[in-house]
Protein backbone atom coordinates (compact mmCIF):
# COMPACT_ATOMS: atom_id res chain seq x y z
CA MET A 1 -153.55 58.69 67.01
CA HIS A 2 -152.99 57.18 70.45
CA ALA A 3 -151.52 53.70 70.81
CA GLN A 4 -153.83 51.10 72.28
CA VAL A 5 -153.10 50.26 75.92
CA PRO A 6 -152.32 46.54 76.27
CA ASP A 7 -154.71 44.42 78.32
CA GLY A 8 -153.67 44.05 81.93
CA TYR A 9 -151.47 47.18 81.93
CA ASP A 10 -152.28 49.67 84.69
CA PRO A 11 -150.26 52.91 84.40
CA ARG A 12 -151.37 53.87 87.91
CA ALA A 13 -149.11 51.13 89.24
CA PHE A 14 -146.11 53.32 88.45
CA GLU A 15 -145.21 56.52 90.28
CA PRO A 16 -145.63 59.49 87.94
CA PHE A 17 -142.72 61.82 87.18
CA ALA A 18 -142.16 64.89 85.03
CA VAL A 19 -139.80 65.50 82.13
CA THR A 20 -138.14 68.88 81.67
CA VAL A 21 -135.61 70.43 79.32
CA ASP A 22 -132.68 72.59 80.42
CA LEU A 23 -130.57 74.62 78.02
CA ALA A 24 -126.96 75.77 78.26
CA VAL A 25 -126.86 78.56 75.66
CA PHE A 26 -123.48 80.08 74.73
CA THR A 27 -122.46 83.06 72.65
CA LEU A 28 -119.46 85.37 72.30
CA ARG A 29 -119.74 88.97 73.44
CA ASP A 30 -116.66 91.21 73.25
CA ASP A 31 -114.58 88.10 72.44
CA ARG A 32 -115.59 86.48 75.72
CA LEU A 33 -117.72 83.38 76.20
CA HIS A 34 -121.10 84.18 77.77
CA VAL A 35 -123.89 81.93 78.99
CA LEU A 36 -127.60 82.73 79.04
CA LEU A 37 -129.16 82.58 82.51
CA VAL A 38 -132.60 83.36 83.89
CA ARG A 39 -133.45 84.48 87.41
CA ARG A 40 -136.18 82.28 88.83
CA GLY A 41 -139.38 84.13 89.64
CA GLU A 42 -141.03 81.21 91.46
CA GLU A 43 -140.16 78.61 94.07
CA PRO A 44 -138.14 76.48 94.36
CA HIS A 45 -134.93 78.55 94.29
CA ARG A 46 -136.82 81.81 93.81
CA GLY A 47 -134.36 84.61 92.98
CA ARG A 48 -131.52 82.23 91.99
CA TRP A 49 -129.93 82.17 88.56
CA ALA A 50 -130.69 79.07 86.53
CA LEU A 51 -130.47 77.71 83.02
CA PRO A 52 -133.51 78.44 80.85
CA GLY A 53 -135.88 75.53 80.51
CA GLY A 54 -139.18 74.07 81.64
CA PHE A 55 -141.56 71.14 81.53
CA VAL A 56 -142.17 69.10 78.39
CA LEU A 57 -145.86 69.29 77.47
CA PRO A 58 -147.84 66.04 77.05
CA ARG A 59 -147.99 66.22 73.24
CA GLU A 60 -144.57 67.60 72.33
CA SER A 61 -141.08 66.19 71.92
CA ALA A 62 -138.14 67.25 74.05
CA ASP A 63 -136.58 69.01 71.04
CA THR A 64 -139.77 71.02 70.45
CA ALA A 65 -139.98 71.89 74.14
CA ALA A 66 -136.37 73.08 74.13
CA ARG A 67 -137.00 75.53 71.27
CA ARG A 68 -140.26 76.71 72.84
CA GLU A 69 -138.80 77.26 76.29
CA LEU A 70 -135.79 79.05 74.85
CA ALA A 71 -138.06 81.60 73.18
CA GLU A 72 -140.57 81.89 76.05
CA GLU A 73 -138.15 82.30 78.95
CA THR A 74 -135.62 84.58 77.31
CA GLY A 75 -137.63 86.74 74.93
CA LEU A 76 -135.53 85.63 71.97
CA SER A 77 -137.69 85.55 68.87
CA ALA A 78 -138.96 82.19 67.66
CA GLY A 79 -136.92 82.72 64.49
CA THR A 80 -133.70 83.30 66.45
CA ALA A 81 -134.36 80.28 68.65
CA ALA A 82 -135.14 78.10 65.64
CA HIS A 83 -131.81 78.87 63.94
CA LEU A 84 -129.53 78.30 66.91
CA HIS A 85 -127.28 75.27 66.86
CA LEU A 86 -128.99 72.98 69.38
CA GLU A 87 -127.85 69.50 70.37
CA GLN A 88 -128.87 67.11 73.09
CA LEU A 89 -126.28 66.88 75.85
CA ARG A 90 -127.42 64.11 78.21
CA THR A 91 -130.19 63.13 80.64
CA TYR A 92 -130.09 64.07 84.34
CA SER A 93 -132.20 61.80 86.51
CA ASP A 94 -131.04 61.97 90.13
CA PRO A 95 -134.17 61.29 92.20
CA ASP A 96 -133.58 64.33 94.44
CA ARG A 97 -132.60 66.90 91.81
CA ASP A 98 -135.92 68.77 92.17
CA PRO A 99 -137.70 69.23 95.54
CA ARG A 100 -141.16 69.39 93.93
CA MET A 101 -141.34 65.85 92.58
CA ARG A 102 -139.34 63.30 90.60
CA VAL A 103 -138.12 65.24 87.57
CA VAL A 104 -135.96 63.90 84.74
CA SER A 105 -134.29 66.57 82.63
CA VAL A 106 -133.09 66.32 79.04
CA ALA A 107 -130.31 68.89 78.75
CA TYR A 108 -129.22 70.68 75.59
CA ALA A 109 -126.28 72.79 74.51
CA ALA A 110 -127.07 75.68 72.17
CA LEU A 111 -124.85 78.32 70.60
CA GLY A 112 -125.03 81.19 68.18
CA PRO A 113 -123.20 84.32 67.08
CA ASP A 114 -123.63 87.63 68.92
CA LEU A 115 -127.10 86.79 70.20
CA PRO A 116 -129.37 89.71 71.22
CA GLU A 117 -130.14 90.88 74.73
CA PRO A 118 -132.77 88.59 76.26
CA ARG A 119 -135.69 89.58 78.46
CA GLY A 120 -137.33 87.57 81.20
CA GLY A 121 -140.54 85.79 80.29
CA GLY A 122 -142.68 82.88 81.47
CA ASP A 123 -141.71 82.15 85.07
CA ALA A 124 -138.36 83.95 84.71
CA ALA A 125 -138.01 87.29 86.52
CA ASP A 126 -134.96 88.30 84.51
CA ALA A 127 -132.67 86.95 81.79
CA ARG A 128 -129.07 87.97 81.10
CA TRP A 129 -125.88 87.00 79.35
CA LEU A 130 -123.18 86.48 81.98
CA PRO A 131 -119.50 85.79 81.30
CA TYR A 132 -118.88 82.08 81.70
CA GLY A 133 -117.22 81.39 85.02
CA THR A 134 -118.71 84.42 86.82
CA GLN A 135 -122.23 83.10 87.30
CA GLY A 136 -121.90 81.76 90.86
CA PRO A 137 -123.92 78.82 92.24
CA LEU A 138 -126.97 78.02 90.11
CA ALA A 139 -130.34 76.50 91.05
CA PHE A 140 -130.99 72.75 91.02
CA ASP A 141 -128.11 70.78 89.44
CA HIS A 142 -127.54 73.39 86.77
CA ASP A 143 -123.89 73.93 87.73
CA ALA A 144 -123.19 70.34 86.66
CA ILE A 145 -125.23 70.70 83.46
CA LEU A 146 -123.43 73.92 82.52
CA ALA A 147 -120.00 72.40 83.19
CA ASP A 148 -120.86 69.34 81.11
CA ALA A 149 -122.09 71.55 78.27
CA HIS A 150 -118.91 73.63 78.32
CA ASP A 151 -116.79 70.48 78.25
CA ARG A 152 -118.83 69.14 75.31
CA VAL A 153 -118.46 72.32 73.27
CA GLY A 154 -114.74 72.57 74.03
CA ALA A 155 -114.13 68.98 72.97
CA LYS A 156 -116.18 69.28 69.78
CA LEU A 157 -114.14 72.31 68.68
CA GLU A 158 -111.18 69.96 68.36
CA TYR A 159 -112.75 67.41 66.05
CA THR A 160 -115.67 69.16 64.32
CA CYS A 161 -116.46 72.42 62.54
CA LEU A 162 -118.72 73.57 65.38
CA ALA A 163 -116.73 76.79 65.91
CA THR A 164 -118.36 78.35 62.84
CA ALA A 165 -121.73 78.23 64.67
CA PHE A 166 -120.37 81.03 66.90
CA CYS A 167 -119.57 83.18 63.84
CA PRO A 168 -121.72 85.34 61.57
CA PRO A 169 -122.31 84.07 58.00
CA GLU A 170 -119.09 85.81 56.90
CA PHE A 171 -116.14 85.98 59.28
CA THR A 172 -112.40 86.53 59.40
CA LEU A 173 -109.94 83.91 60.58
CA GLY A 174 -109.21 86.22 63.50
CA GLU A 175 -112.86 86.03 64.55
CA LEU A 176 -112.78 82.25 64.22
CA ARG A 177 -109.60 82.05 66.28
CA ARG A 178 -111.19 84.11 69.05
CA VAL A 179 -113.96 81.50 69.31
CA TYR A 180 -111.39 78.86 70.19
CA GLU A 181 -109.58 81.17 72.58
CA ALA A 182 -112.81 82.13 74.38
CA VAL A 183 -114.07 78.56 74.79
CA TRP A 184 -110.73 76.96 75.60
CA GLY A 185 -109.41 79.85 77.70
CA VAL A 186 -106.00 79.85 75.99
CA ALA A 187 -104.16 82.12 73.56
CA LEU A 188 -103.38 80.57 70.17
CA ASP A 189 -100.52 81.28 67.81
CA ARG A 190 -102.01 83.23 64.90
CA PRO A 191 -99.90 81.91 61.99
CA ASN A 192 -100.17 78.34 63.23
CA PHE A 193 -103.94 78.61 63.65
CA ARG A 194 -104.34 80.07 60.17
CA ARG A 195 -102.26 77.30 58.63
CA LYS A 196 -104.25 74.57 60.36
CA VAL A 197 -107.65 76.05 59.49
CA LEU A 198 -106.81 76.49 55.81
CA SER A 199 -105.31 73.00 55.60
CA ALA A 200 -108.45 71.35 57.04
CA GLN A 201 -110.44 70.34 53.98
CA GLY A 202 -113.95 71.79 53.93
CA PHE A 203 -113.61 73.72 57.21
CA VAL A 204 -113.94 77.18 55.66
CA ARG A 205 -114.27 78.59 52.16
CA PRO A 206 -113.49 82.09 50.84
CA ALA A 207 -116.42 84.49 50.79
CA GLU A 208 -117.19 86.66 47.82
CA GLY A 209 -116.66 90.37 48.12
CA PRO A 210 -113.91 92.66 49.40
CA PRO A 211 -111.88 92.04 52.57
CA ARG A 212 -113.09 93.54 55.84
CA LEU A 213 -111.36 96.34 57.69
CA THR A 214 -110.63 95.27 61.26
CA GLY A 215 -109.82 97.24 64.36
CA GLY A 216 -106.08 96.89 63.89
CA ARG A 217 -103.72 98.88 61.70
CA GLY A 218 -102.97 96.05 59.31
CA LYS A 219 -104.41 95.40 55.89
CA PRO A 220 -108.07 94.36 55.52
CA ALA A 221 -108.75 90.76 56.49
CA ALA A 222 -110.14 88.21 54.05
CA LEU A 223 -113.63 86.92 54.71
CA TYR A 224 -114.65 83.26 54.91
CA ARG A 225 -117.80 81.18 55.21
CA ALA A 226 -118.39 77.82 56.83
CA GLY A 227 -117.37 75.00 54.52
CA GLY A 228 -119.27 71.82 53.83
CA ALA A 229 -117.34 69.56 56.20
CA THR A 230 -118.59 68.52 59.62
CA ALA A 231 -115.42 66.85 60.95
CA LEU A 232 -111.88 68.25 61.10
CA HIS A 233 -109.10 66.25 59.47
CA PRO A 234 -106.63 66.53 61.11
CA PRO A 235 -108.18 67.62 64.43
CA LEU A 236 -107.34 71.05 65.81
CA LEU A 237 -106.16 70.13 69.31
CA ARG A 238 -105.96 72.65 72.11
CA PRO A 239 -102.39 73.34 73.31
CA GLU A 240 -102.58 71.37 76.58
CA ARG A 241 -104.10 68.39 74.79
CA ARG A 242 -101.23 68.36 72.28
CA GLU A 243 -98.73 68.29 75.15
CA THR A 244 -100.38 65.27 76.82
CA THR A 245 -100.82 63.29 73.60
CA ALA A 246 -97.41 63.98 72.07
């Protein structure tokens, strides 16, 4: 049901503009942080790498558009796209960010464990996972969006249980530690990390079943699942942050 337009209101008195969604999608591949990029098949910036995204349709929300565009432009199944951790990052509204017209973008950060190989779709000529930091200059203002998304994820690893969104349903503490190392770009002390994770109430819980054999020569590693907590108490600060706040 459409809302009634108030008397005396003329929408034509305002310059029209478009709303888009852009998605910074992260995963771990070979213990390295990767970002999902699409190669633009149309102008502007034809042939340049960009974040997946597109225009919000007249009768859909930005959240719905983000899930739809993620599936359409990358070839990820609707089921895979629907189960990714997706959160709104911020709004980008510089008047000159798009040469076609005034475009306001609602950006999102998304992440998931070991996501499948994408394929280009929609107006994307190609789609690939590229190691974060190797992508080169992106189209539009997507370099700024990607940097902001990386900063957001890195910060939330300190105070929330977001790291488990990078892990499969059952994971070892070594796999969880490698999430932090990949996102933060630092090596962590294994015993200290284990102690802090297990002391954070509700962060992880033991999984049923036998331990998992890992690639090393040690004994099988115990398996864990995400706990019920959403915030970390105490926070798990990255090494350089501990040095500056000590």
